[in-house]
Amino acid sequence: MEYTDLLADRRSTRRFDTGRDVPDEVLERVLAAPLAMPHAGNTYDWRGVVLRRRDRDADRWPAVHAALLGQSYVEEAAVLVAYAVQPGWWAERYRANVAALVDRESGPGDEGFLTTGLIGEAMMGVGAAMLAALDAGLGATVTACRPAELAAALGLPDGAVICPWGVLALGWPAAVDDAPTTGAPKPQVADMYFGERWGRPSPAPVG
């Protein structure tokens, strides 16, 4: 599929076909896509926890589902990928600049600098994984969670932080996705950008 068509047709899937699994080779393509995205020093210090419906742990799932706000499409999805970051992983691999960044992490006005930056980089990967899934014909949506609860339910180590919007639900769209449409229509590109300073119309040819 052409990239522009992929973006134009993208929508968040709210109903999944529970009778179809995601083939291993398709899932591998999706999981590999984030590695094409930039990350400081090529450290790639995010990790993903992959949960497949076919392998669901009946004892652990209720806590995971509750941390994912009990949403029905999460229950239906063939695959969930929960992305997490941990500054310590970055520190072990990118020591040249770590001292300055750790100082900034705890400095006035910069609380969470390193963690926030790593989450931002991880989320670029989540976007790449979503587009790879859509290109393969899957449905996909990024869902919210209660990060601390989900981290505990998935057994994340101390210091690891779940990306708050970093849970990707994947699967084949249901034959009839009749979930109600919510929210306002998408804005025009020209409404989203300013030129040179806030409030000034963009001079770019954005239509």
Protein backbone atom coordinates (compact mmCIF):
# COMPACT_ATOMS: atom_id res chain seq x y z
CA MET A 1 0.00 0.00 0.00
CA GLU A 2 1.21 3.51 -0.77
CA TYR A 3 2.25 5.39 2.35
CA THR A 4 -0.11 8.32 1.73
CA ASP A 5 -3.03 5.90 1.29
CA LEU A 6 -2.04 4.08 4.45
CA LEU A 7 -2.19 7.31 6.44
CA ALA A 8 -5.42 8.49 4.82
CA ASP A 9 -7.21 5.20 5.54
CA ARG A 10 -5.93 4.70 9.08
CA ARG A 11 -8.55 4.28 11.75
CA SER A 12 -8.56 2.85 15.25
CA THR A 13 -10.08 -0.63 15.30
CA ARG A 14 -12.61 -1.11 18.09
CA ARG A 15 -13.86 -4.58 17.11
CA PHE A 16 -11.57 -7.53 16.41
CA ASP A 17 -12.31 -10.93 14.88
CA THR A 18 -11.73 -13.33 17.77
CA GLY A 19 -11.70 -16.31 15.43
CA ARG A 20 -8.48 -15.34 13.65
CA ASP A 21 -4.94 -15.24 15.00
CA VAL A 22 -2.08 -13.10 13.69
CA PRO A 23 0.45 -15.28 11.81
CA ASP A 24 3.90 -15.38 13.35
CA GLU A 25 5.55 -13.91 10.25
CA VAL A 26 3.16 -10.94 10.22
CA LEU A 27 3.70 -10.30 13.92
CA GLU A 28 7.46 -10.45 13.38
CA ARG A 29 7.21 -7.69 10.75
CA VAL A 30 5.21 -5.53 13.13
CA LEU A 31 7.59 -6.07 16.03
CA ALA A 32 10.61 -5.28 13.83
CA ALA A 33 9.21 -1.98 12.54
CA PRO A 34 10.12 0.13 15.61
CA LEU A 35 13.80 -0.67 15.07
CA ALA A 36 13.69 1.55 11.97
CA MET A 37 12.89 4.58 14.12
CA PRO A 38 15.52 6.88 15.69
CA HIS A 39 16.74 6.47 19.23
CA ALA A 40 19.54 8.38 20.97
CA GLY A 41 22.85 6.61 20.44
CA ASN A 42 21.04 3.67 18.81
CA THR A 43 20.45 2.34 22.30
CA TYR A 44 16.80 1.41 21.75
CA ASP A 45 16.11 1.24 25.43
CA TRP A 46 12.47 0.36 25.22
CA ARG A 47 11.19 -3.15 25.67
CA GLY A 48 7.84 -4.65 24.70
CA VAL A 49 5.81 -7.30 26.47
CA VAL A 50 3.87 -9.32 23.88
CA LEU A 51 0.60 -10.90 25.02
CA ARG A 52 -1.15 -13.24 22.59
CA ARG A 53 -4.77 -14.16 23.15
CA ARG A 54 -4.01 -17.81 22.31
CA ASP A 55 -1.47 -17.95 25.17
CA ARG A 56 -3.42 -15.87 27.68
CA ASP A 57 -2.63 -16.60 31.32
CA ALA A 58 -6.02 -17.02 32.96
CA ASP A 59 -4.64 -16.15 36.39
CA ARG A 60 -2.82 -12.98 35.32
CA TRP A 61 -5.22 -11.71 32.65
CA PRO A 62 -7.84 -10.15 34.98
CA ALA A 63 -5.23 -7.80 36.47
CA VAL A 64 -3.85 -6.96 33.02
CA HIS A 65 -7.33 -6.31 31.63
CA ALA A 66 -8.25 -4.13 34.60
CA ALA A 67 -5.07 -2.08 34.14
CA LEU A 68 -6.14 -1.62 30.50
CA LEU A 69 -9.39 -0.07 31.75
CA GLY A 70 -11.42 -3.22 31.05
CA GLN A 71 -12.01 -2.26 27.42
CA SER A 72 -13.80 -4.85 25.28
CA TYR A 73 -11.59 -4.51 22.20
CA VAL A 74 -8.56 -5.23 24.38
CA GLU A 75 -10.23 -8.51 25.35
CA GLU A 76 -10.84 -9.30 21.66
CA ALA A 77 -7.40 -8.37 20.27
CA ALA A 78 -5.26 -11.27 19.09
CA VAL A 79 -2.09 -9.51 20.25
CA LEU A 80 -1.27 -6.79 22.75
CA VAL A 81 2.15 -5.20 22.92
CA ALA A 82 2.89 -3.12 26.02
CA TYR A 83 5.93 -0.86 25.61
CA ALA A 84 8.09 0.19 28.54
CA VAL A 85 11.26 2.19 29.11
CA GLN A 86 13.79 2.24 31.91
CA PRO A 87 16.48 4.94 32.20
CA GLY A 88 18.87 2.40 33.67
CA TRP A 89 18.90 0.45 30.41
CA TRP A 90 19.94 3.62 28.58
CA ALA A 91 22.60 4.42 31.17
CA GLU A 92 24.27 1.04 30.73
CA ARG A 93 24.66 1.54 26.97
CA TYR A 94 25.21 5.26 26.54
CA ARG A 95 27.48 6.30 29.39
CA ALA A 96 29.22 9.15 27.58
CA ASN A 97 26.36 11.56 28.22
CA VAL A 98 24.58 9.89 31.08
CA ALA A 99 25.99 12.00 33.93
CA ALA A 100 24.66 15.24 32.50
CA LEU A 101 21.29 13.75 31.72
CA VAL A 102 20.91 12.16 35.13
CA ASP A 103 21.67 15.56 36.65
CA ARG A 104 18.95 17.08 34.49
CA GLU A 105 16.60 14.30 35.52
CA SER A 106 16.58 15.61 39.07
CA GLY A 107 17.21 19.31 38.40
CA PRO A 108 14.66 22.09 38.96
CA GLY A 109 12.17 22.22 36.13
CA ASP A 110 13.52 19.10 34.46
CA GLU A 111 11.82 16.40 36.52
CA GLY A 112 11.39 13.29 34.46
CA PHE A 113 13.53 14.63 31.60
CA LEU A 114 15.22 11.35 30.79
CA THR A 115 12.17 9.15 31.31
CA THR A 116 9.98 11.50 29.28
CA GLY A 117 12.51 11.59 26.45
CA LEU A 118 12.77 7.83 26.33
CA ILE A 119 8.99 7.47 26.29
CA GLY A 120 8.84 9.89 23.37
CA GLU A 121 11.35 7.84 21.42
CA ALA A 122 9.54 4.61 22.27
CA MET A 123 6.27 6.09 21.03
CA MET A 124 7.81 6.76 17.62
CA GLY A 125 8.37 3.02 17.49
CA VAL A 126 4.77 2.34 18.51
CA GLY A 127 3.64 4.47 15.56
CA ALA A 128 5.91 2.52 13.21
CA ALA A 129 4.53 -0.78 14.53
CA MET A 130 0.97 0.44 13.99
CA LEU A 131 1.67 1.42 10.38
CA ALA A 132 3.37 -1.93 9.73
CA ALA A 133 0.29 -3.69 11.11
CA LEU A 134 -2.05 -1.69 8.92
CA ASP A 135 0.14 -2.33 5.88
CA ALA A 136 -0.26 -6.07 6.57
CA GLY A 137 -4.04 -5.71 6.63
CA LEU A 138 -4.45 -5.89 10.39
CA GLY A 139 -6.53 -3.60 12.52
CA ALA A 140 -4.70 -1.70 15.21
CA THR A 141 -5.27 0.82 17.95
CA VAL A 142 -3.19 2.42 20.68
CA THR A 143 -4.91 2.23 24.02
CA ALA A 144 -4.55 3.90 27.38
CA CYS A 145 -3.78 2.13 30.63
CA ARG A 146 -3.06 2.63 34.28
CA PRO A 147 0.75 2.44 33.94
CA ALA A 148 1.67 1.44 37.49
CA GLU A 149 -1.01 -1.25 37.64
CA LEU A 150 -0.02 -2.65 34.26
CA ALA A 151 3.66 -2.67 35.18
CA ALA A 152 2.84 -4.68 38.29
CA ALA A 153 0.54 -7.07 36.40
CA LEU A 154 3.24 -7.74 33.81
CA GLY A 155 6.01 -8.15 36.38
CA LEU A 156 8.17 -5.27 35.14
CA PRO A 157 11.42 -4.72 37.05
CA ASP A 158 11.93 -1.78 39.39
CA GLY A 159 12.52 1.45 37.50
CA ALA A 160 10.75 0.32 34.34
CA VAL A 161 7.93 2.61 33.21
CA ILE A 162 5.04 1.61 30.98
CA CYS A 163 4.39 4.21 28.28
CA PRO A 164 0.94 5.56 29.25
CA TRP A 165 -0.35 5.35 25.67
CA GLY A 166 2.13 2.68 24.65
CA VAL A 167 -0.12 -0.38 24.48
CA LEU A 168 -0.80 -1.53 20.93
CA ALA A 169 -3.81 -3.80 20.29
CA LEU A 170 -3.64 -5.84 17.08
CA GLY A 171 -5.84 -8.29 15.22
CA TRP A 172 -8.00 -8.76 12.18
CA PRO A 173 -10.86 -6.26 12.12
CA ALA A 174 -14.29 -7.74 12.77
CA ALA A 175 -16.38 -8.18 9.63
CA VAL A 176 -18.67 -5.41 10.84
CA ASP A 177 -16.93 -2.84 12.97
CA ASP A 178 -20.00 -1.04 14.25
CA ALA A 179 -18.40 0.65 17.20
CA PRO A 180 -19.74 4.21 17.49
CA THR A 181 -17.59 6.97 16.10
CA THR A 182 -16.53 9.43 18.77
CA GLY A 183 -14.77 12.75 18.77
CA ALA A 184 -14.70 15.65 16.37
CA PRO A 185 -13.72 15.35 12.69
CA LYS A 186 -10.01 15.57 11.93
CA PRO A 187 -8.80 19.16 11.56
CA GLN A 188 -7.35 20.61 8.39
CA VAL A 189 -3.55 20.66 8.10
CA ALA A 190 -3.55 24.47 7.91
CA ASP A 191 -5.27 24.62 11.30
CA MET A 192 -2.44 22.70 12.97
CA TYR A 193 0.66 24.76 12.14
CA PHE A 194 1.90 28.30 12.75
CA GLY A 195 4.62 30.22 10.94
CA GLU A 196 7.65 31.47 12.88
CA ARG A 197 5.71 32.07 16.11
CA TRP A 198 2.52 30.99 17.86
CA GLY A 199 -0.63 32.36 16.35
CA ARG A 200 0.85 33.45 13.03
CA PRO A 201 -0.58 31.68 9.95
CA SER A 202 1.80 29.16 8.45
CA PRO A 203 3.37 30.27 5.16
CA ALA A 204 3.82 26.64 4.13
CA PRO A 205 1.60 25.32 1.31
CA VAL A 206 -0.57 23.24 3.61
CA GLY A 207 -3.93 23.89 1.97
